[in-house]
Protein backbone atom coordinates (compact mmCIF):
# COMPACT_ATOMS: atom_id res chain seq x y z
CA UNK A 1 -14.25 5.47 13.44
CA UNK A 2 -11.88 2.82 14.99
CA UNK A 3 -8.30 2.92 14.20
CA UNK A 4 -6.53 -0.14 13.04
CA UNK A 5 -2.55 -0.49 12.50
CA UNK A 6 -1.11 -1.26 9.06
CA UNK A 7 0.85 -5.05 8.98
CA UNK A 8 3.83 -3.09 6.97
CA UNK A 9 4.76 0.58 8.56
CA UNK A 10 3.00 -0.02 11.62
CA UNK A 11 0.96 3.43 11.58
CA UNK A 12 -2.59 3.52 12.63
CA UNK A 13 -5.12 4.83 10.21
CA UNK A 14 -8.92 5.22 10.06
CA UNK A 15 -8.78 4.21 6.43
CA UNK A 16 -9.82 0.67 5.19
CA UNK A 17 -7.09 -1.73 5.00
CA UNK A 18 -6.18 -4.13 2.17
CA UNK A 19 -5.19 -7.38 1.43
CA UNK A 20 -1.82 -7.21 -0.12
CA UNK A 21 -0.33 -11.25 -0.84
CA UNK A 22 -0.32 -12.81 2.53
CA UNK A 23 -0.42 -9.52 4.54
CA UNK A 24 -4.11 -8.88 5.27
CA UNK A 25 -3.94 -5.53 7.07
CA UNK A 26 -2.12 -2.86 4.49
CA UNK A 27 -2.52 0.70 4.87
CA UNK A 28 -3.40 2.73 1.23
CA UNK A 29 0.11 3.91 1.11
CA UNK A 30 1.91 0.85 1.46
CA UNK A 31 -0.35 -1.19 -1.11
CA UNK A 32 0.21 1.19 -3.52
CA UNK A 33 4.33 0.83 -3.18
CA UNK A 34 3.58 -2.70 -3.31
CA UNK A 35 1.73 -3.18 -5.71
CA UNK A 36 1.24 -6.92 -5.66
CA UNK A 37 -1.81 -8.93 -5.87
CA UNK A 38 -3.85 -6.62 -4.05
CA UNK A 39 -7.53 -7.02 -2.55
CA UNK A 40 -9.83 -4.31 -1.26
CA UNK A 41 -11.66 -5.35 1.98
CA UNK A 42 -14.69 -6.68 -0.34
CA UNK A 43 -12.51 -9.06 -2.01
CA UNK A 44 -11.80 -6.93 -5.22
CA UNK A 45 -8.58 -7.13 -7.09
CA UNK A 46 -7.01 -3.70 -7.49
CA UNK A 47 -4.03 -2.57 -9.77
CA UNK A 48 -1.46 -0.04 -10.05
CA UNK A 49 -1.97 2.43 -13.32
CA UNK A 50 1.96 2.52 -14.25
CA UNK A 51 1.53 6.04 -15.42
CA UNK A 52 0.04 7.87 -12.17
CA UNK A 53 0.81 5.45 -10.23
CA UNK A 54 -2.48 5.01 -8.17
CA UNK A 55 -4.16 2.36 -7.20
CA UNK A 56 -7.46 1.60 -8.71
CA UNK A 57 -9.81 -1.16 -8.67
CA UNK A 58 -9.48 -3.80 -11.80
CA UNK A 59 -12.48 -2.85 -12.98
CA UNK A 60 -11.20 0.77 -13.96
CA UNK A 61 -7.82 -0.08 -15.10
CA UNK A 62 -7.20 -1.37 -18.95
CA UNK A 63 -3.92 -3.12 -20.09
CA UNK A 64 -2.11 -1.38 -22.95
CA UNK A 65 0.39 -3.38 -24.58
CA UNK A 66 3.29 -1.32 -24.23
CA UNK A 67 2.34 0.71 -20.98
CA UNK A 68 0.78 -1.97 -18.84
CA UNK A 69 -1.88 -0.88 -16.96
CA UNK A 70 -3.60 2.40 -17.12
CA UNK A 71 -6.61 4.32 -15.53
CA UNK A 72 -9.36 6.25 -17.48
CA UNK A 73 -7.87 9.35 -16.84
CA UNK A 74 -4.12 8.25 -17.86
CA UNK A 75 -5.93 6.82 -21.00
CA UNK A 76 -7.40 9.76 -21.53
CA UNK A 77 -4.27 11.86 -21.18
CA UNK A 78 -2.28 9.75 -23.62
CA UNK A 79 -4.92 9.97 -26.31
CA UNK A 80 -5.51 14.27 -25.87
CA UNK A 81 -1.98 14.17 -26.61
CA UNK A 82 -2.43 12.48 -30.15
CA UNK A 83 -0.90 9.45 -29.07
CA UNK A 84 -2.36 6.25 -29.85
CA UNK A 85 -2.83 2.81 -27.85
CA UNK A 86 -3.26 -0.70 -28.02
CA UNK A 87 -5.45 -1.73 -25.48
CA UNK A 88 -6.18 -5.78 -24.52
CA UNK A 89 -9.74 -6.64 -24.43
């Protein structure tokens, strides 16, 4: 696989590069740190889970009224602790 250079950290990677804001070639680590208008190479929007701080396709993240965007795993973890969430639809 061909290595590509991240526009932010300038490191070579074999991973797929993402579009973040005006940057069209951003590695996963830099995109996670930036977490602004992130889209993958297929054009699908991505969001940062505010609990685990991992990046997920927008279709896999739900918005909670007080906590922000949460992935399914974190939603399940919060529920398993007996806490209730108010998810937006």
